[in-house]
Amino acid sequence: MSDPGFPPIESADRPYPAVRLLRRHGNWFAVCFGLLFVGAGAWAAAAGHGTIWLLSGFLAGAFAAFLMRSYVELVRIIADMLLPR
């Protein structure tokens, strides 16, 4: 029950919108980031530059999604350790 003399309790990550966004939707960002590379490789292969670009797109997409996912996990760990609850 909140006391009318005090302001409502707000989330600790309220002043950090980028942290809040990554904590909530980071998994989707990682997937979409990886799919950008896959799409670029598919576009290059469809444009006639060779099927090696499609394979490169898949490999780069998997690696980019992995890197983005690890970044999101680091943000979550740091936010859990440093932001009060």
PDB file of N, CA and C in Angstrom:
ATOM      1  N   MET A   1       0.841  -1.170   0.000  1.00  0.00           N
ATOM      2  CA  MET A   1       0.000   0.000   0.000  1.00  0.00           C
ATOM      3  C   MET A   1       0.887   1.234   0.000  1.00  0.00           C
ATOM      4  N   SER A   2       0.637   2.152  -0.890  1.00  0.00           N
ATOM      5  CA  SER A   2       1.489   3.341  -0.975  1.00  0.00           C
ATOM      6  C   SER A   2       0.927   4.452  -0.104  1.00  0.00           C
ATOM      7  N   ASP A   3       1.820   5.234   0.415  1.00  0.00           N
ATOM      8  CA  ASP A   3       1.459   6.372   1.262  1.00  0.00           C
ATOM      9  C   ASP A   3       1.213   7.579   0.364  1.00  0.00           C
ATOM     10  N   PRO A   4       0.126   8.322   0.556  1.00  0.00           N
ATOM     11  CA  PRO A   4      -0.140   9.460  -0.335  1.00  0.00           C
ATOM     12  C   PRO A   4       0.898  10.569  -0.227  1.00  0.00           C
ATOM     13  N   GLY A   5       1.717  10.566   0.820  1.00  0.00           N
ATOM     14  CA  GLY A   5       2.730  11.597   0.972  1.00  0.00           C
ATOM     15  C   GLY A   5       3.994  11.338   0.174  1.00  0.00           C
ATOM     16  N   PHE A   6       4.132  10.141  -0.373  1.00  0.00           N
ATOM     17  CA  PHE A   6       5.334   9.774  -1.114  1.00  0.00           C
ATOM     18  C   PHE A   6       4.992   9.533  -2.578  1.00  0.00           C
ATOM     19  N   PRO A   7       5.936   9.821  -3.494  1.00  0.00           N
ATOM     20  CA  PRO A   7       5.680   9.529  -4.910  1.00  0.00           C
ATOM     21  C   PRO A   7       5.642   8.026  -5.129  1.00  0.00           C
ATOM     22  N   PRO A   8       4.989   7.580  -6.198  1.00  0.00           N
ATOM     23  CA  PRO A   8       4.936   6.131  -6.457  1.00  0.00           C
ATOM     24  C   PRO A   8       6.325   5.577  -6.745  1.00  0.00           C
ATOM     25  N   ILE A   9       6.499   4.319  -6.395  1.00  0.00           N
ATOM     26  CA  ILE A   9       7.782   3.651  -6.632  1.00  0.00           C
ATOM     27  C   ILE A   9       7.941   3.448  -8.132  1.00  0.00           C
ATOM     28  N   GLU A  10       9.101   3.825  -8.652  1.00  0.00           N
ATOM     29  CA  GLU A  10       9.360   3.665 -10.077  1.00  0.00           C
ATOM     30  C   GLU A  10      10.485   2.670 -10.293  1.00  0.00           C
ATOM     31  N   SER A  11      10.545   2.143 -11.467  1.00  0.00           N
ATOM     32  CA  SER A  11      11.564   1.171 -11.810  1.00  0.00           C
ATOM     33  C   SER A  11      12.943   1.832 -11.764  1.00  0.00           C
ATOM     34  N   ALA A  12      13.940   1.049 -11.342  1.00  0.00           N
ATOM     35  CA  ALA A  12      15.296   1.596 -11.227  1.00  0.00           C
ATOM     36  C   ALA A  12      15.904   1.900 -12.586  1.00  0.00           C
ATOM     37  N   ASP A  13      15.442   1.219 -13.629  1.00  0.00           N
ATOM     38  CA  ASP A  13      16.014   1.470 -14.953  1.00  0.00           C
ATOM     39  C   ASP A  13      15.205   2.497 -15.744  1.00  0.00           C
ATOM     40  N   ARG A  14      14.324   3.210 -15.086  1.00  0.00           N
ATOM     41  CA  ARG A  14      13.531   4.227 -15.778  1.00  0.00           C
ATOM     42  C   ARG A  14      14.393   5.309 -16.433  1.00  0.00           C
ATOM     43  N   PRO A  15      15.461   5.794 -15.792  1.00  0.00           N
ATOM     44  CA  PRO A  15      16.284   6.816 -16.463  1.00  0.00           C
ATOM     45  C   PRO A  15      17.168   6.259 -17.582  1.00  0.00           C
ATOM     46  N   TYR A  16      17.147   4.968 -17.774  1.00  0.00           N
ATOM     47  CA  TYR A  16      17.993   4.332 -18.788  1.00  0.00           C
ATOM     48  C   TYR A  16      17.111   3.599 -19.812  1.00  0.00           C
ATOM     49  N   PRO A  17      16.549   4.314 -20.770  1.00  0.00           N
ATOM     50  CA  PRO A  17      15.617   3.654 -21.700  1.00  0.00           C
ATOM     51  C   PRO A  17      16.281   2.602 -22.588  1.00  0.00           C
ATOM     52  N   ALA A  18      17.534   2.788 -22.950  1.00  0.00           N
ATOM     53  CA  ALA A  18      18.204   1.789 -23.792  1.00  0.00           C
ATOM     54  C   ALA A  18      18.417   0.486 -23.022  1.00  0.00           C
ATOM     55  N   VAL A  19      18.772   0.597 -21.753  1.00  0.00           N
ATOM     56  CA  VAL A  19      18.940  -0.598 -20.919  1.00  0.00           C
ATOM     57  C   VAL A  19      17.599  -1.304 -20.768  1.00  0.00           C
ATOM     58  N   ARG A  20      16.550  -0.537 -20.509  1.00  0.00           N
ATOM     59  CA  ARG A  20      15.218  -1.121 -20.359  1.00  0.00           C
ATOM     60  C   ARG A  20      14.780  -1.821 -21.649  1.00  0.00           C
ATOM     61  N   LEU A  21      15.056  -1.185 -22.776  1.00  0.00           N
ATOM     62  CA  LEU A  21      14.682  -1.772 -24.065  1.00  0.00           C
ATOM     63  C   LEU A  21      15.432  -3.074 -24.327  1.00  0.00           C
ATOM     64  N   LEU A  22      16.724  -3.084 -24.058  1.00  0.00           N
ATOM     65  CA  LEU A  22      17.512  -4.302 -24.275  1.00  0.00           C
ATOM     66  C   LEU A  22      17.141  -5.405 -23.290  1.00  0.00           C
ATOM     67  N   ARG A  23      16.803  -5.037 -22.065  1.00  0.00           N
ATOM     68  CA  ARG A  23      16.403  -6.060 -21.101  1.00  0.00           C
ATOM     69  C   ARG A  23      15.101  -6.712 -21.499  1.00  0.00           C
ATOM     70  N   ARG A  24      14.194  -5.947 -22.060  1.00  0.00           N
ATOM     71  CA  ARG A  24      12.884  -6.489 -22.413  1.00  0.00           C
ATOM     72  C   ARG A  24      12.879  -7.197 -23.763  1.00  0.00           C
ATOM     73  N   HIS A  25      13.519  -6.602 -24.760  1.00  0.00           N
ATOM     74  CA  HIS A  25      13.398  -7.097 -26.130  1.00  0.00           C
ATOM     75  C   HIS A  25      14.739  -7.482 -26.758  1.00  0.00           C
ATOM     76  N   GLY A  26      15.738  -7.740 -25.955  1.00  0.00           N
ATOM     77  CA  GLY A  26      17.068  -8.027 -26.474  1.00  0.00           C
ATOM     78  C   GLY A  26      17.148  -9.278 -27.317  1.00  0.00           C
ATOM     79  N   ASN A  27      16.383 -10.298 -26.972  1.00  0.00           N
ATOM     80  CA  ASN A  27      16.415 -11.543 -27.753  1.00  0.00           C
ATOM     81  C   ASN A  27      15.930 -11.298 -29.177  1.00  0.00           C
ATOM     82  N   TRP A  28      14.878 -10.511 -29.310  1.00  0.00           N
ATOM     83  CA  TRP A  28      14.363 -10.206 -30.645  1.00  0.00           C
ATOM     84  C   TRP A  28      15.338  -9.352 -31.442  1.00  0.00           C
ATOM     85  N   PHE A  29      16.016  -8.430 -30.759  1.00  0.00           N
ATOM     86  CA  PHE A  29      17.023  -7.626 -31.446  1.00  0.00           C
ATOM     87  C   PHE A  29      18.146  -8.499 -31.981  1.00  0.00           C
ATOM     88  N   ALA A  30      18.569  -9.485 -31.201  1.00  0.00           N
ATOM     89  CA  ALA A  30      19.644 -10.376 -31.639  1.00  0.00           C
ATOM     90  C   ALA A  30      19.225 -11.176 -32.868  1.00  0.00           C
ATOM     91  N   VAL A  31      18.013 -11.681 -32.850  1.00  0.00           N
ATOM     92  CA  VAL A  31      17.524 -12.459 -33.991  1.00  0.00           C
ATOM     93  C   VAL A  31      17.409 -11.577 -35.238  1.00  0.00           C
ATOM     94  N   CYS A  32      16.818 -10.405 -35.073  1.00  0.00           N
ATOM     95  CA  CYS A  32      16.655  -9.497 -36.217  1.00  0.00           C
ATOM     96  C   CYS A  32      17.998  -9.021 -36.758  1.00  0.00           C
ATOM     97  N   PHE A  33      18.951  -8.780 -35.869  1.00  0.00           N
ATOM     98  CA  PHE A  33      20.280  -8.360 -36.291  1.00  0.00           C
ATOM     99  C   PHE A  33      20.948  -9.448 -37.127  1.00  0.00           C
ATOM    100  N   GLY A  34      20.800 -10.702 -36.702  1.00  0.00           N
ATOM    101  CA  GLY A  34      21.353 -11.809 -37.476  1.00  0.00           C
ATOM    102  C   GLY A  34      20.647 -11.978 -38.811  1.00  0.00           C
ATOM    103  N   LEU A  35      19.334 -11.760 -38.828  1.00  0.00           N
ATOM    104  CA  LEU A  35      18.587 -11.907 -40.070  1.00  0.00           C
ATOM    105  C   LEU A  35      18.922 -10.823 -41.089  1.00  0.00           C
ATOM    106  N   LEU A  36      19.408  -9.694 -40.637  1.00  0.00           N
ATOM    107  CA  LEU A  36      19.855  -8.659 -41.578  1.00  0.00           C
ATOM    108  C   LEU A  36      20.997  -9.177 -42.458  1.00  0.00           C
ATOM    109  N   PHE A  37      21.926  -9.882 -41.849  1.00  0.00           N
ATOM    110  CA  PHE A  37      23.053 -10.429 -42.614  1.00  0.00           C
ATOM    111  C   PHE A  37      22.597 -11.552 -43.535  1.00  0.00           C
ATOM    112  N   VAL A  38      21.675 -12.370 -43.066  1.00  0.00           N
ATOM    113  CA  VAL A  38      21.144 -13.436 -43.908  1.00  0.00           C
ATOM    114  C   VAL A  38      20.424 -12.832 -45.109  1.00  0.00           C
ATOM    115  N   GLY A  39      19.635 -11.789 -44.865  1.00  0.00           N
ATOM    116  CA  GLY A  39      18.930 -11.124 -45.955  1.00  0.00           C
ATOM    117  C   GLY A  39      19.876 -10.484 -46.951  1.00  0.00           C
ATOM    118  N   ALA A  40      20.937  -9.891 -46.452  1.00  0.00           N
ATOM    119  CA  ALA A  40      21.915  -9.278 -47.357  1.00  0.00           C
ATOM    120  C   ALA A  40      22.611 -10.347 -48.203  1.00  0.00           C
ATOM    121  N   GLY A  41      22.918 -11.493 -47.597  1.00  0.00           N
ATOM    122  CA  GLY A  41      23.531 -12.582 -48.359  1.00  0.00           C
ATOM    123  C   GLY A  41      22.575 -13.155 -49.392  1.00  0.00           C
ATOM    124  N   ALA A  42      21.306 -13.280 -49.030  1.00  0.00           N
ATOM    125  CA  ALA A  42      20.311 -13.785 -49.984  1.00  0.00           C
ATOM    126  C   ALA A  42      20.106 -12.801 -51.126  1.00  0.00           C
ATOM    127  N   TRP A  43      20.105 -11.515 -50.800  1.00  0.00           N
ATOM    128  CA  TRP A  43      19.955 -10.497 -51.845  1.00  0.00           C
ATOM    129  C   TRP A  43      21.136 -10.535 -52.811  1.00  0.00           C
ATOM    130  N   ALA A  44      22.349 -10.664 -52.263  1.00  0.00           N
ATOM    131  CA  ALA A  44      23.536 -10.718 -53.118  1.00  0.00           C
ATOM    132  C   ALA A  44      23.520 -11.970 -53.996  1.00  0.00           C
ATOM    133  N   ALA A  45      23.069 -13.092 -53.434  1.00  0.00           N
ATOM    134  CA  ALA A  45      22.996 -14.321 -54.229  1.00  0.00           C
ATOM    135  C   ALA A  45      21.932 -14.197 -55.318  1.00  0.00           C
ATOM    136  N   ALA A  46      20.819 -13.566 -55.000  1.00  0.00           N
ATOM    137  CA  ALA A  46      19.752 -13.387 -55.996  1.00  0.00           C
ATOM    138  C   ALA A  46      20.150 -12.390 -57.071  1.00  0.00           C
ATOM    139  N   ALA A  47      21.038 -11.462 -56.723  1.00  0.00           N
ATOM    140  CA  ALA A  47      21.489 -10.460 -57.691  1.00  0.00           C
ATOM    141  C   ALA A  47      22.536 -11.024 -58.643  1.00  0.00           C
ATOM    142  N   GLY A  48      22.928 -12.264 -58.432  1.00  0.00           N
ATOM    143  CA  GLY A  48      23.844 -12.903 -59.368  1.00  0.00           C
ATOM    144  C   GLY A  48      25.304 -12.855 -58.966  1.00  0.00           C
ATOM    145  N   HIS A  49      25.587 -12.603 -57.716  1.00  0.00           N
ATOM    146  CA  HIS A  49      26.981 -12.527 -57.272  1.00  0.00           C
ATOM    147  C   HIS A  49      27.528 -13.875 -56.821  1.00  0.00           C
ATOM    148  N   GLY A  50      26.719 -14.904 -56.886  1.00  0.00           N
ATOM    149  CA  GLY A  50      27.189 -16.240 -56.530  1.00  0.00           C
ATOM    150  C   GLY A  50      26.538 -16.739 -55.252  1.00  0.00           C
ATOM    151  N   THR A  51      26.427 -18.039 -55.161  1.00  0.00           N
ATOM    152  CA  THR A  51      25.790 -18.625 -53.984  1.00  0.00           C
ATOM    153  C   THR A  51      26.681 -18.595 -52.752  1.00  0.00           C
ATOM    154  N   ILE A  52      27.948 -18.303 -52.941  1.00  0.00           N
ATOM    155  CA  ILE A  52      28.838 -18.195 -51.789  1.00  0.00           C
ATOM    156  C   ILE A  52      28.389 -17.067 -50.870  1.00  0.00           C
ATOM    157  N   TRP A  53      27.738 -16.063 -51.429  1.00  0.00           N
ATOM    158  CA  TRP A  53      27.236 -14.953 -50.608  1.00  0.00           C
ATOM    159  C   TRP A  53      26.086 -15.400 -49.712  1.00  0.00           C
ATOM    160  N   LEU A  54      25.294 -16.340 -50.167  1.00  0.00           N
ATOM    161  CA  LEU A  54      24.220 -16.867 -49.332  1.00  0.00           C
ATOM    162  C   LEU A  54      24.795 -17.611 -48.132  1.00  0.00           C
ATOM    163  N   LEU A  55      25.796 -18.454 -48.383  1.00  0.00           N
ATOM    164  CA  LEU A  55      26.458 -19.162 -47.294  1.00  0.00           C
ATOM    165  C   LEU A  55      27.146 -18.175 -46.350  1.00  0.00           C
ATOM    166  N   SER A  56      27.801 -17.178 -46.922  1.00  0.00           N
ATOM    167  CA  SER A  56      28.459 -16.157 -46.093  1.00  0.00           C
ATOM    168  C   SER A  56      27.442 -15.388 -45.261  1.00  0.00           C
ATOM    169  N   GLY A  57      26.285 -15.127 -45.837  1.00  0.00           N
ATOM    170  CA  GLY A  57      25.232 -14.433 -45.095  1.00  0.00           C
ATOM    171  C   GLY A  57      24.747 -15.240 -43.906  1.00  0.00           C
ATOM    172  N   PHE A  58      24.581 -16.557 -44.115  1.00  0.00           N
ATOM    173  CA  PHE A  58      24.165 -17.405 -43.001  1.00  0.00           C
ATOM    174  C   PHE A  58      25.222 -17.443 -41.901  1.00  0.00           C
ATOM    175  N   LEU A  59      26.472 -17.582 -42.288  1.00  0.00           N
ATOM    176  CA  LEU A  59      27.541 -17.630 -41.288  1.00  0.00           C
ATOM    177  C   LEU A  59      27.688 -16.302 -40.554  1.00  0.00           C
ATOM    178  N   ALA A  60      27.664 -15.207 -41.314  1.00  0.00           N
ATOM    179  CA  ALA A  60      27.777 -13.889 -40.686  1.00  0.00           C
ATOM    180  C   ALA A  60      26.555 -13.597 -39.817  1.00  0.00           C
ATOM    181  N   GLY A  61      25.389 -14.033 -40.248  1.00  0.00           N
ATOM    182  CA  GLY A  61      24.174 -13.833 -39.460  1.00  0.00           C
ATOM    183  C   GLY A  61      24.207 -14.593 -38.149  1.00  0.00           C
ATOM    184  N   ALA A  62      24.672 -15.828 -38.190  1.00  0.00           N
ATOM    185  CA  ALA A  62      24.778 -16.611 -36.960  1.00  0.00           C
ATOM    186  C   ALA A  62      25.784 -15.980 -36.008  1.00  0.00           C
ATOM    187  N   PHE A  63      26.905 -15.540 -36.546  1.00  0.00           N
ATOM    188  CA  PHE A  63      27.925 -14.916 -35.707  1.00  0.00           C
ATOM    189  C   PHE A  63      27.440 -13.586 -35.141  1.00  0.00           C
ATOM    190  N   ALA A  64      26.767 -12.776 -35.951  1.00  0.00           N
ATOM    191  CA  ALA A  64      26.259 -11.486 -35.492  1.00  0.00           C
ATOM    192  C   ALA A  64      25.174 -11.670 -34.434  1.00  0.00           C
ATOM    193  N   ALA A  65      24.305 -12.659 -34.625  1.00  0.00           N
ATOM    194  CA  ALA A  65      23.269 -12.919 -33.627  1.00  0.00           C
ATOM    195  C   ALA A  65      23.891 -13.389 -32.318  1.00  0.00           C
ATOM    196  N   PHE A  66      24.928 -14.206 -32.410  1.00  0.00           N
ATOM    197  CA  PHE A  66      25.627 -14.655 -31.207  1.00  0.00           C
ATOM    198  C   PHE A  66      26.270 -13.481 -30.473  1.00  0.00           C
ATOM    199  N   LEU A  67      26.934 -12.601 -31.212  1.00  0.00           N
ATOM    200  CA  LEU A  67      27.561 -11.443 -30.580  1.00  0.00           C
ATOM    201  C   LEU A  67      26.526 -10.511 -29.943  1.00  0.00           C
ATOM    202  N   MET A  68      25.428 -10.281 -30.641  1.00  0.00           N
ATOM    203  CA  MET A  68      24.384  -9.419 -30.095  1.00  0.00           C
ATOM    204  C   MET A  68      23.745 -10.057 -28.873  1.00  0.00           C
ATOM    205  N   ARG A  69      23.540 -11.358 -28.913  1.00  0.00           N
ATOM    206  CA  ARG A  69      22.960 -12.059 -27.765  1.00  0.00           C
ATOM    207  C   ARG A  69      23.886 -11.970 -26.562  1.00  0.00           C
ATOM    208  N   SER A  70      25.178 -12.099 -26.771  1.00  0.00           N
ATOM    209  CA  SER A  70      26.119 -11.986 -25.650  1.00  0.00           C
ATOM    210  C   SER A  70      26.134 -10.565 -25.100  1.00  0.00           C
ATOM    211  N   TYR A  71      26.001  -9.572 -25.959  1.00  0.00           N
ATOM    212  CA  TYR A  71      25.923  -8.182 -25.497  1.00  0.00           C
ATOM    213  C   TYR A  71      24.661  -7.964 -24.655  1.00  0.00           C
ATOM    214  N   VAL A  72      23.553  -8.508 -25.093  1.00  0.00           N
ATOM    215  CA  VAL A  72      22.305  -8.376 -24.340  1.00  0.00           C
ATOM    216  C   VAL A  72      22.440  -9.042 -22.972  1.00  0.00           C
ATOM    217  N   GLU A  73      23.058 -10.197 -22.929  1.00  0.00           N
ATOM    218  CA  GLU A  73      23.259 -10.870 -21.653  1.00  0.00           C
ATOM    219  C   GLU A  73      24.167 -10.055 -20.731  1.00  0.00           C
ATOM    220  N   LEU A  74      25.192  -9.432 -21.284  1.00  0.00           N
ATOM    221  CA  LEU A  74      26.055  -8.578 -20.465  1.00  0.00           C
ATOM    222  C   LEU A  74      25.290  -7.384 -19.909  1.00  0.00           C
ATOM    223  N   VAL A  75      24.457  -6.779 -20.724  1.00  0.00           N
ATOM    224  CA  VAL A  75      23.643  -5.656 -20.249  1.00  0.00           C
ATOM    225  C   VAL A  75      22.723  -6.115 -19.126  1.00  0.00           C
ATOM    226  N   ARG A  76      22.116  -7.287 -19.271  1.00  0.00           N
ATOM    227  CA  ARG A  76      21.233  -7.804 -18.224  1.00  0.00           C
ATOM    228  C   ARG A  76      21.982  -8.095 -16.932  1.00  0.00           C
ATOM    229  N   ILE A  77      23.157  -8.685 -17.045  1.00  0.00           N
ATOM    230  CA  ILE A  77      23.954  -8.987 -15.855  1.00  0.00           C
ATOM    231  C   ILE A  77      24.356  -7.702 -15.151  1.00  0.00           C
ATOM    232  N   ILE A  78      24.850  -6.740 -15.902  1.00  0.00           N
ATOM    233  CA  ILE A  78      25.287  -5.485 -15.301  1.00  0.00           C
ATOM    234  C   ILE A  78      24.109  -4.746 -14.689  1.00  0.00           C
ATOM    235  N   ALA A  79      22.974  -4.732 -15.372  1.00  0.00           N
ATOM    236  CA  ALA A  79      21.798  -4.055 -14.821  1.00  0.00           C
ATOM    237  C   ALA A  79      21.310  -4.751 -13.553  1.00  0.00           C
ATOM    238  N   ASP A  80      21.335  -6.068 -13.524  1.00  0.00           N
ATOM    239  CA  ASP A  80      20.906  -6.786 -12.326  1.00  0.00           C
ATOM    240  C   ASP A  80      21.845  -6.537 -11.144  1.00  0.00           C
ATOM    241  N   MET A  81      23.128  -6.375 -11.456  1.00  0.00           N
ATOM    242  CA  MET A  81      24.093  -6.164 -10.367  1.00  0.00           C
ATOM    243  C   MET A  81      24.105  -4.723  -9.868  1.00  0.00           C
ATOM    244  N   LEU A  82      23.930  -3.763 -10.750  1.00  0.00           N
ATOM    245  CA  LEU A  82      24.149  -2.366 -10.373  1.00  0.00           C
ATOM    246  C   LEU A  82      22.880  -1.568 -10.111  1.00  0.00           C
ATOM    247  N   LEU A  83      21.778  -1.941 -10.744  1.00  0.00           N
ATOM    248  CA  LEU A  83      20.553  -1.176 -10.531  1.00  0.00           C
ATOM    249  C   LEU A  83      19.804  -1.738  -9.329  1.00  0.00           C
ATOM    250  N   PRO A  84      19.375  -0.887  -8.410  1.00  0.00           N
ATOM    251  CA  PRO A  84      18.649  -1.379  -7.234  1.00  0.00           C
ATOM    252  C   PRO A  84      17.273  -1.910  -7.606  1.00  0.00           C
ATOM    253  N   ARG A  85      16.783  -2.796  -6.814  1.00  0.00           N
ATOM    254  CA  ARG A  85      15.440  -3.362  -7.017  1.00  0.00           C
ATOM    255  C   ARG A  85      14.479  -2.815  -6.011  1.00  0.00           C
TER     256      ARG A  85
END
